[in-house]
PDB file of N, CA and C in Angstrom:
ATOM      1  N   MET A   1      85.366 -54.415 386.515  1.00  0.00           N
ATOM      2  CA  MET A   1      86.411 -53.751 385.799  1.00  0.00           C
ATOM      3  C   MET A   1      87.243 -54.360 384.913  1.00  0.00           C
ATOM      4  N   PRO A   2      87.606 -53.956 383.785  1.00  0.00           N
ATOM      5  CA  PRO A   2      88.313 -54.416 382.801  1.00  0.00           C
ATOM      6  C   PRO A   2      90.044 -55.233 383.936  1.00  0.00           C
ATOM      7  N   ILE A   3      90.410 -53.860 384.434  1.00  0.00           N
ATOM      8  CA  ILE A   3      91.376 -54.196 385.239  1.00  0.00           C
ATOM      9  C   ILE A   3      91.633 -55.160 386.220  1.00  0.00           C
ATOM     10  N   ALA A   4      90.575 -55.402 386.969  1.00  0.00           N
ATOM     11  CA  ALA A   4      90.086 -56.574 387.204  1.00  0.00           C
ATOM     12  C   ALA A   4      89.991 -57.895 387.096  1.00  0.00           C
ATOM     13  N   ARG A   5      89.601 -58.075 385.979  1.00  0.00           N
ATOM     14  CA  ARG A   5      89.414 -58.938 385.117  1.00  0.00           C
ATOM     15  C   ARG A   5      90.889 -59.707 384.493  1.00  0.00           C
ATOM     16  N   CYS A   6      91.309 -58.592 384.103  1.00  0.00           N
ATOM     17  CA  CYS A   6      92.742 -59.146 383.815  1.00  0.00           C
ATOM     18  C   CYS A   6      93.681 -59.819 384.826  1.00  0.00           C
ATOM     19  N   VAL A   7      93.664 -58.917 386.132  1.00  0.00           N
ATOM     20  CA  VAL A   7      94.392 -59.513 387.182  1.00  0.00           C
ATOM     21  C   VAL A   7      93.878 -61.060 387.580  1.00  0.00           C
ATOM     22  N   ALA A   8      92.148 -60.989 387.641  1.00  0.00           N
ATOM     23  CA  ALA A   8      91.607 -62.504 387.904  1.00  0.00           C
ATOM     24  C   ALA A   8      92.095 -63.523 387.120  1.00  0.00           C
ATOM     25  N   LYS A   9      92.251 -63.063 385.388  1.00  0.00           N
ATOM     26  CA  LYS A   9      92.900 -63.832 384.714  1.00  0.00           C
ATOM     27  C   LYS A   9      94.190 -64.518 384.757  1.00  0.00           C
ATOM     28  N   TYR A  10      95.009 -63.366 385.021  1.00  0.00           N
ATOM     29  CA  TYR A  10      96.450 -63.663 385.759  1.00  0.00           C
ATOM     30  C   TYR A  10      96.519 -64.776 386.709  1.00  0.00           C
ATOM     31  N   PHE A  11      95.778 -64.606 387.655  1.00  0.00           N
ATOM     32  CA  PHE A  11      95.794 -65.892 388.501  1.00  0.00           C
ATOM     33  C   PHE A  11      95.512 -66.928 388.363  1.00  0.00           C
ATOM     34  N   VAL A  12      94.251 -66.995 387.367  1.00  0.00           N
ATOM     35  CA  VAL A  12      93.645 -68.316 386.535  1.00  0.00           C
ATOM     36  C   VAL A  12      95.067 -69.052 385.618  1.00  0.00           C
ATOM     37  N   LYS A  13      95.653 -68.018 385.035  1.00  0.00           N
ATOM     38  CA  LYS A  13      96.556 -68.639 384.306  1.00  0.00           C
ATOM     39  C   LYS A  13      97.919 -69.129 384.906  1.00  0.00           C
ATOM     40  N   GLU A  14      98.345 -67.970 386.278  1.00  0.00           N
ATOM     41  CA  GLU A  14      99.423 -69.085 386.685  1.00  0.00           C
ATOM     42  C   GLU A  14      99.156 -70.247 387.452  1.00  0.00           C
ATOM     43  N   ASN A  15      97.919 -70.243 387.894  1.00  0.00           N
ATOM     44  CA  ASN A  15      97.384 -71.550 388.659  1.00  0.00           C
ATOM     45  C   ASN A  15      97.387 -72.455 387.270  1.00  0.00           C
ATOM     46  N   SER A  16      97.009 -72.749 386.404  1.00  0.00           N
ATOM     47  CA  SER A  16      97.025 -73.403 385.353  1.00  0.00           C
ATOM     48  C   SER A  16      98.466 -73.904 384.684  1.00  0.00           C
ATOM     49  N   LEU A  17      99.350 -72.824 384.810  1.00  0.00           N
ATOM     50  CA  LEU A  17     100.799 -73.290 384.634  1.00  0.00           C
ATOM     51  C   LEU A  17     101.278 -74.380 385.486  1.00  0.00           C
ATOM     52  N   GLU A  18     100.786 -73.732 386.855  1.00  0.00           N
ATOM     53  CA  GLU A  18     101.461 -74.810 388.048  1.00  0.00           C
ATOM     54  C   GLU A  18     100.687 -76.226 387.992  1.00  0.00           C
ATOM     55  N   LEU A  19      99.533 -76.449 387.541  1.00  0.00           N
ATOM     56  CA  LEU A  19      98.911 -77.628 387.462  1.00  0.00           C
ATOM     57  C   LEU A  19      99.288 -78.468 385.960  1.00  0.00           C
ATOM     58  N   PHE A  20      99.706 -77.761 384.834  1.00  0.00           N
ATOM     59  CA  PHE A  20     100.222 -78.361 384.007  1.00  0.00           C
ATOM     60  C   PHE A  20     101.435 -79.089 384.280  1.00  0.00           C
ATOM     61  N   GLU A  21     102.692 -78.032 384.928  1.00  0.00           N
ATOM     62  CA  GLU A  21     104.040 -78.929 385.553  1.00  0.00           C
ATOM     63  C   GLU A  21     103.857 -79.594 386.450  1.00  0.00           C
ATOM     64  N   GLU A  22     102.602 -80.078 387.560  1.00  0.00           N
ATOM     65  CA  GLU A  22     102.771 -80.951 388.315  1.00  0.00           C
ATOM     66  C   GLU A  22     101.814 -82.124 387.614  1.00  0.00           C
ATOM     67  N   GLN A  23     101.406 -82.166 386.482  1.00  0.00           N
ATOM     68  CA  GLN A  23     100.473 -83.422 385.784  1.00  0.00           C
ATOM     69  C   GLN A  23     102.252 -83.982 385.123  1.00  0.00           C
ATOM     70  N   MET A  24     102.911 -82.888 384.519  1.00  0.00           N
ATOM     71  CA  MET A  24     103.749 -83.520 383.773  1.00  0.00           C
ATOM     72  C   MET A  24     105.504 -83.969 384.627  1.00  0.00           C
ATOM     73  N   ALA A  25     104.933 -83.612 385.797  1.00  0.00           N
ATOM     74  CA  ALA A  25     106.250 -83.825 386.674  1.00  0.00           C
ATOM     75  C   ALA A  25     106.103 -85.224 387.149  1.00  0.00           C
ATOM     76  N   LYS A  26     105.132 -85.751 387.170  1.00  0.00           N
ATOM     77  CA  LYS A  26     104.309 -86.862 387.651  1.00  0.00           C
ATOM     78  C   LYS A  26     104.625 -88.219 387.128  1.00  0.00           C
ATOM     79  N   GLY A  27     104.994 -88.040 385.533  1.00  0.00           N
ATOM     80  CA  GLY A  27     105.207 -88.610 384.649  1.00  0.00           C
ATOM     81  C   GLY A  27     104.771 -89.877 384.488  1.00  0.00           C
ATOM     82  N   SER A  28     103.438 -89.824 384.631  1.00  0.00           N
ATOM     83  CA  SER A  28     102.072 -90.730 384.186  1.00  0.00           C
ATOM     84  C   SER A  28     101.548 -90.679 382.744  1.00  0.00           C
ATOM     85  N   LEU A  29     101.881 -89.336 382.081  1.00  0.00           N
ATOM     86  CA  LEU A  29     101.489 -89.066 381.098  1.00  0.00           C
ATOM     87  C   LEU A  29     101.541 -89.916 379.777  1.00  0.00           C
ATOM     88  N   ASP A  30     101.145 -90.167 378.722  1.00  0.00           N
ATOM     89  CA  ASP A  30     101.576 -91.129 377.507  1.00  0.00           C
ATOM     90  C   ASP A  30     102.025 -89.949 376.726  1.00  0.00           C
ATOM     91  N   ARG A  31     102.517 -90.323 375.672  1.00  0.00           N
ATOM     92  CA  ARG A  31     103.198 -89.667 374.969  1.00  0.00           C
ATOM     93  C   ARG A  31     102.181 -88.437 374.215  1.00  0.00           C
ATOM     94  N   GLY A  32     101.199 -88.779 373.694  1.00  0.00           N
ATOM     95  CA  GLY A  32     100.118 -88.084 373.350  1.00  0.00           C
ATOM     96  C   GLY A  32      99.982 -86.649 374.325  1.00  0.00           C
ATOM     97  N   ALA A  33      99.676 -87.049 375.550  1.00  0.00           N
ATOM     98  CA  ALA A  33      99.592 -86.318 376.381  1.00  0.00           C
ATOM     99  C   ALA A  33     100.592 -85.269 377.148  1.00  0.00           C
ATOM    100  N   GLN A  34     101.202 -85.979 376.780  1.00  0.00           N
ATOM    101  CA  GLN A  34     103.051 -85.050 376.989  1.00  0.00           C
ATOM    102  C   GLN A  34     103.121 -83.966 376.152  1.00  0.00           C
ATOM    103  N   MET A  35     102.999 -84.237 375.120  1.00  0.00           N
ATOM    104  CA  MET A  35     102.955 -83.238 373.334  1.00  0.00           C
ATOM    105  C   MET A  35     101.902 -82.456 373.847  1.00  0.00           C
ATOM    106  N   LEU A  36     100.584 -82.691 374.180  1.00  0.00           N
ATOM    107  CA  LEU A  36      99.667 -82.018 374.730  1.00  0.00           C
ATOM    108  C   LEU A  36     100.006 -81.056 375.680  1.00  0.00           C
ATOM    109  N   PHE A  37     100.195 -81.277 376.953  1.00  0.00           N
ATOM    110  CA  PHE A  37     100.341 -80.629 377.933  1.00  0.00           C
ATOM    111  C   PHE A  37     101.671 -79.617 377.535  1.00  0.00           C
ATOM    112  N   GLY A  38     102.367 -80.042 376.767  1.00  0.00           N
ATOM    113  CA  GLY A  38     103.589 -79.506 376.605  1.00  0.00           C
ATOM    114  C   GLY A  38     103.464 -78.124 375.585  1.00  0.00           C
ATOM    115  N   SER A  39     102.416 -78.277 374.991  1.00  0.00           N
ATOM    116  CA  SER A  39     101.850 -77.195 373.992  1.00  0.00           C
ATOM    117  C   SER A  39     100.979 -76.257 374.726  1.00  0.00           C
ATOM    118  N   LEU A  40      99.921 -76.760 375.782  1.00  0.00           N
ATOM    119  CA  LEU A  40      99.424 -75.678 376.398  1.00  0.00           C
ATOM    120  C   LEU A  40     100.355 -75.091 377.498  1.00  0.00           C
ATOM    121  N   ARG A  41     101.438 -75.869 377.816  1.00  0.00           N
ATOM    122  CA  ARG A  41     102.387 -75.079 378.871  1.00  0.00           C
ATOM    123  C   ARG A  41     103.085 -74.034 378.240  1.00  0.00           C
ATOM    124  N   CYS A  42     103.481 -74.308 377.109  1.00  0.00           N
ATOM    125  CA  CYS A  42     104.242 -73.314 375.913  1.00  0.00           C
ATOM    126  C   CYS A  42     103.294 -71.778 376.202  1.00  0.00           C
ATOM    127  N   GLY A  43     101.972 -72.216 375.371  1.00  0.00           N
ATOM    128  CA  GLY A  43     101.140 -71.073 375.576  1.00  0.00           C
ATOM    129  C   GLY A  43     100.903 -70.180 376.606  1.00  0.00           C
ATOM    130  N   THR A  44     100.655 -71.104 377.811  1.00  0.00           N
ATOM    131  CA  THR A  44     100.414 -70.584 379.083  1.00  0.00           C
ATOM    132  C   THR A  44     101.380 -69.475 379.670  1.00  0.00           C
ATOM    133  N   VAL A  45     102.592 -70.341 379.699  1.00  0.00           N
ATOM    134  CA  VAL A  45     103.705 -69.119 379.407  1.00  0.00           C
ATOM    135  C   VAL A  45     103.738 -67.957 378.997  1.00  0.00           C
ATOM    136  N   LEU A  46     103.965 -68.294 377.806  1.00  0.00           N
ATOM    137  CA  LEU A  46     103.933 -66.703 376.736  1.00  0.00           C
ATOM    138  C   LEU A  46     102.478 -65.902 377.233  1.00  0.00           C
ATOM    139  N   GLY A  47     101.573 -66.300 377.681  1.00  0.00           N
ATOM    140  CA  GLY A  47     100.178 -65.560 377.825  1.00  0.00           C
ATOM    141  C   GLY A  47     100.364 -64.828 379.062  1.00  0.00           C
ATOM    142  N   LEU A  48     100.807 -65.838 380.211  1.00  0.00           N
ATOM    143  CA  LEU A  48     101.504 -65.579 381.631  1.00  0.00           C
ATOM    144  C   LEU A  48     102.335 -63.877 381.530  1.00  0.00           C
ATOM    145  N   LYS A  49     103.397 -64.621 380.884  1.00  0.00           N
ATOM    146  CA  LYS A  49     104.602 -63.250 380.889  1.00  0.00           C
ATOM    147  C   LYS A  49     103.892 -62.075 380.428  1.00  0.00           C
ATOM    148  N   ASN A  50     102.935 -61.927 378.857  1.00  0.00           N
ATOM    149  CA  ASN A  50     102.438 -60.575 378.779  1.00  0.00           C
ATOM    150  C   ASN A  50     101.361 -60.447 379.748  1.00  0.00           C
ATOM    151  N   LEU A  51     100.586 -61.196 380.452  1.00  0.00           N
ATOM    152  CA  LEU A  51      99.730 -60.748 381.613  1.00  0.00           C
ATOM    153  C   LEU A  51     100.327 -59.768 382.788  1.00  0.00           C
ATOM    154  N   ARG A  52     101.859 -60.482 382.897  1.00  0.00           N
ATOM    155  CA  ARG A  52     102.508 -60.040 383.749  1.00  0.00           C
ATOM    156  C   ARG A  52     102.959 -58.715 383.392  1.00  0.00           C
ATOM    157  N   LEU A  53     103.177 -58.275 382.211  1.00  0.00           N
ATOM    158  CA  LEU A  53     104.005 -57.024 381.561  1.00  0.00           C
ATOM    159  C   LEU A  53     102.514 -55.967 382.024  1.00  0.00           C
ATOM    160  N   HIS A  54     101.677 -56.533 381.815  1.00  0.00           N
ATOM    161  CA  HIS A  54     100.117 -55.396 381.672  1.00  0.00           C
ATOM    162  C   HIS A  54      99.877 -55.115 382.997  1.00  0.00           C
ATOM    163  N   LYS A  55      99.944 -56.140 383.726  1.00  0.00           N
ATOM    164  CA  LYS A  55      99.474 -56.117 385.376  1.00  0.00           C
ATOM    165  C   LYS A  55     100.632 -55.233 386.062  1.00  0.00           C
ATOM    166  N   THR A  56     101.870 -55.365 385.758  1.00  0.00           N
ATOM    167  CA  THR A  56     102.855 -54.309 386.325  1.00  0.00           C
ATOM    168  C   THR A  56     102.616 -52.875 386.092  1.00  0.00           C
ATOM    169  N   GLN A  57     102.209 -52.874 384.849  1.00  0.00           N
ATOM    170  CA  GLN A  57     101.899 -51.255 384.111  1.00  0.00           C
ATOM    171  C   GLN A  57     100.544 -50.557 385.125  1.00  0.00           C
ATOM    172  N   TRP A  58      99.563 -51.925 385.016  1.00  0.00           N
ATOM    173  CA  TRP A  58      98.337 -51.200 385.806  1.00  0.00           C
ATOM    174  C   TRP A  58      98.633 -51.096 387.231  1.00  0.00           C
ATOM    175  N   ASP A  59      99.523 -52.015 387.707  1.00  0.00           N
ATOM    176  CA  ASP A  59     100.021 -51.365 389.462  1.00  0.00           C
ATOM    177  C   ASP A  59     100.711 -50.354 389.517  1.00  0.00           C
ATOM    178  N   ASP A  60     100.991 -50.307 388.379  1.00  0.00           N
ATOM    179  CA  ASP A  60     102.306 -48.551 388.847  1.00  0.00           C
ATOM    180  C   ASP A  60     100.910 -47.699 388.654  1.00  0.00           C
ATOM    181  N   SER A  61     100.173 -47.838 387.508  1.00  0.00           N
ATOM    182  CA  SER A  61      99.062 -46.615 387.282  1.00  0.00           C
ATOM    183  C   SER A  61      98.392 -46.365 388.492  1.00  0.00           C
ATOM    184  N   LEU A  62      98.084 -47.613 389.258  1.00  0.00           N
ATOM    185  CA  LEU A  62      97.066 -47.507 390.342  1.00  0.00           C
ATOM    186  C   LEU A  62      97.838 -47.045 391.543  1.00  0.00           C
ATOM    187  N   ARG A  63      99.247 -47.255 391.815  1.00  0.00           N
ATOM    188  CA  ARG A  63      99.877 -46.738 392.768  1.00  0.00           C
ATOM    189  C   ARG A  63     100.269 -45.292 392.728  1.00  0.00           C
ATOM    190  N   LYS A  64     100.296 -44.699 391.102  1.00  0.00           N
ATOM    191  CA  LYS A  64     100.344 -43.545 391.130  1.00  0.00           C
ATOM    192  C   LYS A  64      99.365 -42.653 390.904  1.00  0.00           C
ATOM    193  N   GLN A  65      98.313 -43.341 390.887  1.00  0.00           N
ATOM    194  CA  GLN A  65      96.997 -42.586 390.415  1.00  0.00           C
ATOM    195  C   GLN A  65      97.141 -42.297 389.427  1.00  0.00           C
ATOM    196  N   SER A  66      97.515 -42.219 388.395  1.00  0.00           N
ATOM    197  CA  SER A  66      97.983 -41.931 386.956  1.00  0.00           C
ATOM    198  C   SER A  66      97.424 -42.780 385.993  1.00  0.00           C
ATOM    199  N   TYR A  67      96.156 -41.838 385.345  1.00  0.00           N
ATOM    200  CA  TYR A  67      95.742 -42.790 384.262  1.00  0.00           C
ATOM    201  C   TYR A  67      95.773 -42.640 382.830  1.00  0.00           C
ATOM    202  N   GLN A  68      96.685 -42.094 382.422  1.00  0.00           N
ATOM    203  CA  GLN A  68      96.410 -41.553 381.021  1.00  0.00           C
ATOM    204  C   GLN A  68      97.130 -42.416 380.032  1.00  0.00           C
ATOM    205  N   ASP A  69      97.389 -43.547 380.597  1.00  0.00           N
ATOM    206  CA  ASP A  69      98.105 -44.587 379.338  1.00  0.00           C
ATOM    207  C   ASP A  69      96.887 -45.734 379.242  1.00  0.00           C
ATOM    208  N   VAL A  70      95.638 -45.328 379.954  1.00  0.00           N
ATOM    209  CA  VAL A  70      94.770 -46.264 379.875  1.00  0.00           C
ATOM    210  C   VAL A  70      93.573 -45.732 378.951  1.00  0.00           C
ATOM    211  N   GLU A  71      93.082 -46.450 378.016  1.00  0.00           N
ATOM    212  CA  GLU A  71      92.551 -46.129 376.789  1.00  0.00           C
ATOM    213  C   GLU A  71      91.072 -46.990 377.033  1.00  0.00           C
ATOM    214  N   TYR A  72      89.588 -46.188 377.148  1.00  0.00           N
ATOM    215  CA  TYR A  72      88.694 -47.062 377.273  1.00  0.00           C
ATOM    216  C   TYR A  72      87.372 -46.435 376.339  1.00  0.00           C
ATOM    217  N   LYS A  73      86.332 -47.387 376.186  1.00  0.00           N
ATOM    218  CA  LYS A  73      85.324 -47.107 375.496  1.00  0.00           C
ATOM    219  C   LYS A  73      84.308 -47.401 376.354  1.00  0.00           C
ATOM    220  N   LEU A  74      83.173 -46.304 376.283  1.00  0.00           N
ATOM    221  CA  LEU A  74      82.081 -46.552 377.375  1.00  0.00           C
ATOM    222  C   LEU A  74      80.667 -46.678 376.348  1.00  0.00           C
ATOM    223  N   PHE A  75      79.888 -47.700 376.494  1.00  0.00           N
ATOM    224  CA  PHE A  75      78.476 -47.874 375.444  1.00  0.00           C
ATOM    225  C   PHE A  75      77.781 -47.749 376.647  1.00  0.00           C
ATOM    226  N   LYS A  76      76.748 -47.212 376.452  1.00  0.00           N
ATOM    227  CA  LYS A  76      75.400 -46.622 377.154  1.00  0.00           C
ATOM    228  C   LYS A  76      74.346 -47.363 376.720  1.00  0.00           C
ATOM    229  N   VAL A  77      73.724 -47.921 377.402  1.00  0.00           N
ATOM    230  CA  VAL A  77      72.187 -48.658 376.868  1.00  0.00           C
ATOM    231  C   VAL A  77      71.221 -47.959 378.182  1.00  0.00           C
ATOM    232  N   SER A  78      69.914 -47.965 377.568  1.00  0.00           N
ATOM    233  CA  SER A  78      68.739 -47.507 378.437  1.00  0.00           C
ATOM    234  C   SER A  78      68.202 -48.514 379.336  1.00  0.00           C
ATOM    235  N   GLN A  79      68.223 -49.608 378.769  1.00  0.00           N
ATOM    236  CA  GLN A  79      67.569 -50.978 379.358  1.00  0.00           C
ATOM    237  C   GLN A  79      68.345 -51.507 380.761  1.00  0.00           C
ATOM    238  N   GLU A  80      68.157 -52.076 381.514  1.00  0.00           N
ATOM    239  CA  GLU A  80      68.688 -52.904 382.254  1.00  0.00           C
ATOM    240  C   GLU A  80      69.190 -54.088 381.616  1.00  0.00           C
ATOM    241  N   PRO A  81      70.548 -54.166 381.836  1.00  0.00           N
ATOM    242  CA  PRO A  81      71.068 -55.639 381.338  1.00  0.00           C
ATOM    243  C   PRO A  81      70.484 -56.920 381.940  1.00  0.00           C
ATOM    244  N   PHE A  82      70.821 -57.921 381.030  1.00  0.00           N
ATOM    245  CA  PHE A  82      70.375 -59.212 381.567  1.00  0.00           C
ATOM    246  C   PHE A  82      71.001 -60.162 381.726  1.00  0.00           C
ATOM    247  N   MET A  83      72.424 -59.665 381.674  1.00  0.00           N
ATOM    248  CA  MET A  83      73.502 -60.694 381.660  1.00  0.00           C
ATOM    249  C   MET A  83      74.721 -59.596 382.008  1.00  0.00           C
ATOM    250  N   ALA A  84      75.412 -60.404 382.644  1.00  0.00           N
ATOM    251  CA  ALA A  84      76.835 -59.696 382.744  1.00  0.00           C
ATOM    252  C   ALA A  84      78.002 -60.632 382.375  1.00  0.00           C
ATOM    253  N   PHE A  85      78.977 -59.866 381.944  1.00  0.00           N
ATOM    254  CA  PHE A  85      79.892 -60.650 381.341  1.00  0.00           C
ATOM    255  C   PHE A  85      81.360 -60.024 381.390  1.00  0.00           C
ATOM    256  N   SER A  86      82.354 -60.340 381.512  1.00  0.00           N
ATOM    257  CA  SER A  86      84.005 -59.454 381.247  1.00  0.00           C
ATOM    258  C   SER A  86      84.705 -60.869 380.690  1.00  0.00           C
ATOM    259  N   ALA A  87      85.891 -59.996 380.252  1.00  0.00           N
ATOM    260  CA  ALA A  87      86.797 -61.227 379.675  1.00  0.00           C
ATOM    261  C   ALA A  87      88.199 -60.435 378.987  1.00  0.00           C
ATOM    262  N   ALA A  88      89.391 -61.010 378.873  1.00  0.00           N
ATOM    263  CA  ALA A  88      90.410 -60.241 378.372  1.00  0.00           C
ATOM    264  C   ALA A  88      90.950 -61.284 377.523  1.00  0.00           C
ATOM    265  N   PHE A  89      91.527 -60.228 376.560  1.00  0.00           N
ATOM    266  CA  PHE A  89      92.231 -61.688 375.107  1.00  0.00           C
ATOM    267  C   PHE A  89      93.393 -60.722 374.283  1.00  0.00           C
ATOM    268  N   TYR A  90      94.054 -61.490 373.421  1.00  0.00           N
ATOM    269  CA  TYR A  90      95.099 -60.803 372.935  1.00  0.00           C
ATOM    270  C   TYR A  90      94.517 -60.749 371.295  1.00  0.00           C
ATOM    271  N   PRO A  91      93.856 -59.816 371.053  1.00  0.00           N
ATOM    272  CA  PRO A  91      93.201 -59.909 369.189  1.00  0.00           C
ATOM    273  C   PRO A  91      94.460 -60.177 368.587  1.00  0.00           C
ATOM    274  N   GLU A  92      94.255 -60.752 367.220  1.00  0.00           N
ATOM    275  CA  GLU A  92      95.223 -60.889 366.717  1.00  0.00           C
ATOM    276  C   GLU A  92      94.954 -60.206 365.402  1.00  0.00           C
ATOM    277  N   PHE A  93      93.561 -59.885 365.030  1.00  0.00           N
ATOM    278  CA  PHE A  93      93.345 -59.108 363.838  1.00  0.00           C
ATOM    279  C   PHE A  93      91.870 -58.160 364.492  1.00  0.00           C
ATOM    280  N   ASP A  94      91.709 -57.327 363.474  1.00  0.00           N
ATOM    281  CA  ASP A  94      90.870 -56.218 363.865  1.00  0.00           C
ATOM    282  C   ASP A  94      89.617 -56.748 363.286  1.00  0.00           C
ATOM    283  N   PHE A  95      88.493 -55.821 363.436  1.00  0.00           N
ATOM    284  CA  PHE A  95      87.114 -56.348 362.645  1.00  0.00           C
ATOM    285  C   PHE A  95      87.179 -56.190 361.371  1.00  0.00           C
ATOM    286  N   LEU A  96      87.937 -55.626 360.552  1.00  0.00           N
ATOM    287  CA  LEU A  96      88.255 -55.831 358.887  1.00  0.00           C
ATOM    288  C   LEU A  96      88.998 -57.100 358.555  1.00  0.00           C
ATOM    289  N   GLY A  97      89.407 -57.813 359.486  1.00  0.00           N
ATOM    290  CA  GLY A  97      90.248 -58.970 359.143  1.00  0.00           C
ATOM    291  C   GLY A  97      91.662 -58.464 358.818  1.00  0.00           C
ATOM    292  N   ARG A  98      92.023 -56.889 359.258  1.00  0.00           N
ATOM    293  CA  ARG A  98      93.786 -56.623 359.220  1.00  0.00           C
ATOM    294  C   ARG A  98      94.220 -57.112 360.455  1.00  0.00           C
ATOM    295  N   LYS A  99      95.570 -57.788 360.448  1.00  0.00           N
ATOM    296  CA  LYS A  99      96.380 -58.263 361.436  1.00  0.00           C
ATOM    297  C   LYS A  99      96.758 -57.141 361.993  1.00  0.00           C
ATOM    298  N   LEU A 100      96.744 -57.339 363.402  1.00  0.00           N
ATOM    299  CA  LEU A 100      97.030 -56.286 364.437  1.00  0.00           C
ATOM    300  C   LEU A 100      98.461 -56.716 364.974  1.00  0.00           C
ATOM    301  N   GLN A 101      98.471 -57.853 365.469  1.00  0.00           N
ATOM    302  CA  GLN A 101      99.824 -58.610 366.116  1.00  0.00           C
ATOM    303  C   GLN A 101     100.119 -60.050 365.738  1.00  0.00           C
ATOM    304  N   ASN A 102     101.003 -60.838 365.877  1.00  0.00           N
ATOM    305  CA  ASN A 102     101.657 -61.873 365.536  1.00  0.00           C
ATOM    306  C   ASN A 102     101.544 -62.563 367.011  1.00  0.00           C
ATOM    307  N   LEU A 103     100.519 -63.568 367.323  1.00  0.00           N
ATOM    308  CA  LEU A 103     100.304 -64.062 368.654  1.00  0.00           C
ATOM    309  C   LEU A 103     101.462 -64.946 368.690  1.00  0.00           C
ATOM    310  N   ALA A 104     102.585 -65.455 367.802  1.00  0.00           N
ATOM    311  CA  ALA A 104     103.196 -66.205 367.906  1.00  0.00           C
ATOM    312  C   ALA A 104     104.411 -65.896 367.900  1.00  0.00           C
ATOM    313  N   ASP A 105     104.809 -64.528 367.982  1.00  0.00           N
ATOM    314  CA  ASP A 105     106.183 -63.566 368.404  1.00  0.00           C
ATOM    315  C   ASP A 105     106.111 -63.442 369.635  1.00  0.00           C
ATOM    316  N   SER A 106     107.155 -64.476 370.130  1.00  0.00           N
ATOM    317  CA  SER A 106     107.084 -64.005 371.663  1.00  0.00           C
ATOM    318  C   SER A 106     108.553 -63.190 372.398  1.00  0.00           C
ATOM    319  N   SER A 107     108.859 -62.685 371.335  1.00  0.00           N
ATOM    320  CA  SER A 107     109.839 -61.669 371.732  1.00  0.00           C
ATOM    321  C   SER A 107     109.288 -60.101 371.950  1.00  0.00           C
ATOM    322  N   ARG A 108     107.814 -60.058 371.764  1.00  0.00           N
ATOM    323  CA  ARG A 108     107.150 -58.339 371.590  1.00  0.00           C
ATOM    324  C   ARG A 108     106.344 -58.802 372.854  1.00  0.00           C
ATOM    325  N   ARG A 109     105.771 -57.474 373.181  1.00  0.00           N
ATOM    326  CA  ARG A 109     104.629 -57.583 373.957  1.00  0.00           C
ATOM    327  C   ARG A 109     103.264 -57.438 373.737  1.00  0.00           C
ATOM    328  N   LEU A 110     102.339 -58.536 373.616  1.00  0.00           N
ATOM    329  CA  LEU A 110     101.240 -58.519 373.055  1.00  0.00           C
ATOM    330  C   LEU A 110     100.421 -57.545 373.735  1.00  0.00           C
ATOM    331  N   ASP A 111      99.656 -56.653 372.838  1.00  0.00           N
ATOM    332  CA  ASP A 111      98.581 -55.938 373.140  1.00  0.00           C
ATOM    333  C   ASP A 111      97.612 -56.917 373.628  1.00  0.00           C
ATOM    334  N   LEU A 112      96.813 -56.240 375.150  1.00  0.00           N
ATOM    335  CA  LEU A 112      95.768 -56.960 375.209  1.00  0.00           C
ATOM    336  C   LEU A 112      94.440 -56.238 375.309  1.00  0.00           C
ATOM    337  N   LEU A 113      93.028 -56.884 375.184  1.00  0.00           N
ATOM    338  CA  LEU A 113      91.858 -56.073 375.133  1.00  0.00           C
ATOM    339  C   LEU A 113      91.003 -56.525 376.257  1.00  0.00           C
ATOM    340  N   THR A 114      90.512 -55.586 377.111  1.00  0.00           N
ATOM    341  CA  THR A 114      89.667 -56.583 378.071  1.00  0.00           C
ATOM    342  C   THR A 114      88.204 -55.819 378.065  1.00  0.00           C
ATOM    343  N   PHE A 115      87.166 -56.089 378.448  1.00  0.00           N
ATOM    344  CA  PHE A 115      86.054 -55.759 378.475  1.00  0.00           C
ATOM    345  C   PHE A 115      84.824 -56.297 379.420  1.00  0.00           C
ATOM    346  N   CYS A 116      83.764 -55.556 379.867  1.00  0.00           N
ATOM    347  CA  CYS A 116      83.019 -56.078 380.983  1.00  0.00           C
ATOM    348  C   CYS A 116      81.735 -55.172 380.788  1.00  0.00           C
ATOM    349  N   SER A 117      80.717 -55.866 381.452  1.00  0.00           N
ATOM    350  CA  SER A 117      79.741 -55.043 381.461  1.00  0.00           C
ATOM    351  C   SER A 117      79.529 -54.654 383.271  1.00  0.00           C
ATOM    352  N   ALA A 118      78.618 -53.810 383.182  1.00  0.00           N
ATOM    353  CA  ALA A 118      78.412 -52.796 384.518  1.00  0.00           C
ATOM    354  C   ALA A 118      77.588 -52.445 384.501  1.00  0.00           C
ATOM    355  N   ASN A 119      76.511 -52.853 385.533  1.00  0.00           N
ATOM    356  CA  ASN A 119      75.261 -52.085 385.861  1.00  0.00           C
ATOM    357  C   ASN A 119      75.373 -50.491 386.639  1.00  0.00           C
ATOM    358  N   MET A 120      75.260 -49.777 386.065  1.00  0.00           N
ATOM    359  CA  MET A 120      75.334 -48.275 386.367  1.00  0.00           C
ATOM    360  C   MET A 120      74.090 -47.490 386.625  1.00  0.00           C
ATOM    361  N   GLN A 121      74.188 -46.506 387.639  1.00  0.00           N
ATOM    362  CA  GLN A 121      73.094 -45.667 388.374  1.00  0.00           C
ATOM    363  C   GLN A 121      72.354 -45.214 386.659  1.00  0.00           C
ATOM    364  N   ASN A 122      72.682 -44.599 385.561  1.00  0.00           N
ATOM    365  CA  ASN A 122      72.537 -44.582 384.714  1.00  0.00           C
ATOM    366  C   ASN A 122      72.131 -45.112 383.558  1.00  0.00           C
ATOM    367  N   GLY A 123      72.413 -46.212 383.294  1.00  0.00           N
ATOM    368  CA  GLY A 123      72.401 -47.345 382.265  1.00  0.00           C
ATOM    369  C   GLY A 123      73.101 -48.418 382.368  1.00  0.00           C
TER     370      GLY A 123
END
């Protein structure tokens, strides 16, 4: 499920942030590595902040069993899938190249797109 994928991504990103901070706190990184880890940490903090907002909304929807705010598209295929996939990301552009959101704008909540495959009884 996309919600499960986002929750998993949330915990992975949270763990990544902890690891970045541990490495930086050791003080054994050279200047280049410090700059790299600093940039990675900054992006991870921004992504985690937005994932927390989405997770809070999903938790609220699950608690209330109210799903009016969840949008989805279902694509059904007639053959059995030969692979499984799932992902979550913040799209910056649509398929026509039009800007959807500015990923560098940390003052706004970023829109999240999740997707997955699932083998179902009818396709």
